[in-house]
């Protein structure tokens, strides 16, 4: 369950930041890059801050 939530939040963050970049300011693409880099590093290190938060919140694995 946590993995699905992490993917959903990442997808939502990327979509929202791209829309904000198109309609507000191109600097919102920094958020897109941050989310993408975090996904990349988590694939190597298996560490994801959101998973930690969800675990402490009591969301089932």
N, C-alpha and C. Protein backbone atom coordinates (compact mmCIF):
# COMPACT_ATOMS: atom_id res chain seq x y z
N UNK A 1 0.82 -1.19 0.00
CA UNK A 1 0.00 0.00 0.00
C UNK A 1 0.87 1.27 0.00
N UNK A 2 1.94 1.24 0.84
CA UNK A 2 2.81 2.42 0.89
C UNK A 2 3.45 2.73 -0.45
N UNK A 3 3.86 1.68 -1.15
CA UNK A 3 4.51 1.90 -2.45
C UNK A 3 3.57 2.57 -3.45
N UNK A 4 2.30 2.17 -3.41
CA UNK A 4 1.31 2.78 -4.30
C UNK A 4 1.10 4.25 -3.95
N UNK A 5 1.09 4.54 -2.66
CA UNK A 5 0.92 5.93 -2.22
C UNK A 5 2.12 6.77 -2.66
N UNK A 6 3.32 6.23 -2.50
CA UNK A 6 4.54 6.95 -2.90
C UNK A 6 4.49 7.25 -4.40
N UNK A 7 4.12 6.27 -5.19
CA UNK A 7 4.04 6.49 -6.64
C UNK A 7 2.97 7.52 -7.00
N UNK A 8 1.83 7.45 -6.32
CA UNK A 8 0.74 8.40 -6.59
C UNK A 8 1.16 9.82 -6.23
N UNK A 9 1.80 9.98 -5.08
CA UNK A 9 2.24 11.31 -4.65
C UNK A 9 3.31 11.85 -5.60
N UNK A 10 4.25 11.00 -5.99
CA UNK A 10 5.30 11.43 -6.92
C UNK A 10 4.68 11.86 -8.26
N UNK A 11 3.77 11.08 -8.76
CA UNK A 11 3.10 11.43 -10.02
C UNK A 11 2.32 12.72 -9.91
N UNK A 12 1.63 12.90 -8.80
CA UNK A 12 0.87 14.12 -8.58
C UNK A 12 1.78 15.33 -8.48
N UNK A 13 2.88 15.19 -7.75
CA UNK A 13 3.82 16.31 -7.60
C UNK A 13 4.42 16.72 -8.94
N UNK A 14 4.78 15.74 -9.75
CA UNK A 14 5.36 16.04 -11.06
C UNK A 14 4.32 16.72 -11.95
N UNK A 15 3.11 16.19 -11.97
CA UNK A 15 2.05 16.78 -12.80
C UNK A 15 1.74 18.21 -12.37
N UNK A 16 1.59 18.43 -11.08
CA UNK A 16 1.29 19.77 -10.57
C UNK A 16 2.43 20.73 -10.87
N UNK A 17 3.67 20.29 -10.67
CA UNK A 17 4.79 21.21 -10.91
C UNK A 17 4.94 21.55 -12.40
N UNK A 18 4.65 20.61 -13.28
CA UNK A 18 4.70 20.92 -14.71
C UNK A 18 3.60 21.91 -15.08
N UNK A 19 2.40 21.70 -14.55
CA UNK A 19 1.31 22.66 -14.80
C UNK A 19 1.65 24.04 -14.25
N UNK A 20 2.23 24.10 -13.07
CA UNK A 20 2.64 25.38 -12.50
C UNK A 20 3.74 26.02 -13.34
N UNK A 21 4.63 25.21 -13.89
CA UNK A 21 5.69 25.75 -14.75
C UNK A 21 5.11 26.35 -16.02
N UNK A 22 4.08 25.72 -16.55
CA UNK A 22 3.46 26.22 -17.78
C UNK A 22 2.66 27.50 -17.51
N UNK A 23 1.90 27.52 -16.41
CA UNK A 23 0.98 28.62 -16.19
C UNK A 23 1.47 29.70 -15.22
N UNK A 24 2.50 29.42 -14.42
CA UNK A 24 2.93 30.39 -13.42
C UNK A 24 4.37 30.83 -13.67
N UNK A 25 5.31 29.90 -13.48
CA UNK A 25 6.72 30.25 -13.63
C UNK A 25 7.51 28.99 -13.95
N UNK A 26 8.49 29.13 -14.81
CA UNK A 26 9.31 27.97 -15.19
C UNK A 26 10.16 27.45 -14.03
N UNK A 27 10.30 28.24 -12.98
CA UNK A 27 11.07 27.80 -11.82
C UNK A 27 10.43 26.62 -11.09
N UNK A 28 9.16 26.35 -11.34
CA UNK A 28 8.50 25.19 -10.76
C UNK A 28 9.09 23.89 -11.27
N UNK A 29 9.84 23.95 -12.36
CA UNK A 29 10.49 22.74 -12.88
C UNK A 29 11.57 22.24 -11.93
N UNK A 30 12.02 23.11 -11.02
CA UNK A 30 12.97 22.67 -10.00
C UNK A 30 12.33 21.59 -9.14
N UNK A 31 11.06 21.75 -8.81
CA UNK A 31 10.35 20.73 -8.03
C UNK A 31 10.27 19.42 -8.81
N UNK A 32 10.00 19.50 -10.10
CA UNK A 32 9.97 18.30 -10.94
C UNK A 32 11.32 17.58 -10.90
N UNK A 33 12.40 18.34 -11.02
CA UNK A 33 13.73 17.76 -10.99
C UNK A 33 14.01 17.13 -9.62
N UNK A 34 13.60 17.80 -8.55
CA UNK A 34 13.82 17.27 -7.20
C UNK A 34 13.09 15.94 -7.02
N UNK A 35 11.84 15.87 -7.44
CA UNK A 35 11.07 14.62 -7.31
C UNK A 35 11.71 13.53 -8.15
N UNK A 36 12.11 13.84 -9.36
CA UNK A 36 12.76 12.86 -10.23
C UNK A 36 14.07 12.34 -9.65
N UNK A 37 14.88 13.26 -9.13
CA UNK A 37 16.15 12.84 -8.52
C UNK A 37 15.92 12.01 -7.26
N UNK A 38 14.90 12.35 -6.50
CA UNK A 38 14.60 11.57 -5.31
C UNK A 38 14.15 10.16 -5.69
N UNK A 39 13.35 10.04 -6.74
CA UNK A 39 12.94 8.71 -7.21
C UNK A 39 14.15 7.91 -7.69
N UNK A 40 15.06 8.57 -8.37
CA UNK A 40 16.26 7.91 -8.86
C UNK A 40 17.13 7.42 -7.71
N UNK A 41 17.40 8.29 -6.74
CA UNK A 41 18.25 7.88 -5.62
C UNK A 41 17.58 6.79 -4.79
N UNK A 42 16.26 6.83 -4.66
CA UNK A 42 15.59 5.80 -3.87
C UNK A 42 15.64 4.44 -4.56
N UNK A 43 15.78 4.43 -5.87
CA UNK A 43 15.90 3.14 -6.57
C UNK A 43 17.24 2.47 -6.27
N UNK A 44 18.25 3.27 -5.95
CA UNK A 44 19.56 2.72 -5.61
C UNK A 44 19.71 2.45 -4.12
N UNK A 45 19.23 3.39 -3.29
CA UNK A 45 19.46 3.30 -1.86
C UNK A 45 18.32 2.65 -1.10
N UNK A 46 17.17 2.53 -1.74
CA UNK A 46 15.95 2.01 -1.11
C UNK A 46 15.53 2.86 0.08
N UNK A 47 15.89 4.15 0.08
CA UNK A 47 15.48 5.09 1.11
C UNK A 47 14.58 6.14 0.49
N UNK A 48 13.38 6.26 1.04
CA UNK A 48 12.43 7.25 0.56
C UNK A 48 11.83 7.96 1.78
N UNK A 49 12.01 9.27 1.88
CA UNK A 49 11.47 9.99 3.03
C UNK A 49 9.96 9.82 3.20
N UNK A 50 9.22 9.80 2.11
CA UNK A 50 7.77 9.65 2.21
C UNK A 50 7.40 8.29 2.78
N UNK A 51 8.11 7.26 2.42
CA UNK A 51 7.84 5.93 2.99
C UNK A 51 8.06 5.93 4.49
N UNK A 52 9.08 6.63 4.94
CA UNK A 52 9.36 6.76 6.37
C UNK A 52 8.19 7.45 7.08
N UNK A 53 7.70 8.52 6.48
CA UNK A 53 6.57 9.26 7.06
C UNK A 53 5.33 8.38 7.10
N UNK A 54 5.07 7.65 6.01
CA UNK A 54 3.89 6.79 5.98
C UNK A 54 4.01 5.66 7.00
N UNK A 55 5.20 5.13 7.17
CA UNK A 55 5.42 4.06 8.14
C UNK A 55 5.14 4.56 9.56
N UNK A 56 5.63 5.74 9.88
CA UNK A 56 5.40 6.31 11.21
C UNK A 56 3.95 6.72 11.42
N UNK A 57 3.23 6.95 10.31
CA UNK A 57 1.82 7.32 10.39
C UNK A 57 0.93 6.08 10.55
N UNK A 58 1.53 4.92 10.40
CA UNK A 58 0.77 3.69 10.59
C UNK A 58 0.15 3.11 9.34
N UNK A 59 0.57 3.59 8.17
CA UNK A 59 0.05 3.04 6.91
C UNK A 59 0.66 1.67 6.69
N UNK A 60 -0.19 0.70 6.37
CA UNK A 60 0.28 -0.67 6.17
C UNK A 60 1.17 -0.79 4.95
N UNK A 61 2.08 -1.74 5.02
CA UNK A 61 3.00 -1.99 3.90
C UNK A 61 2.28 -2.73 2.86
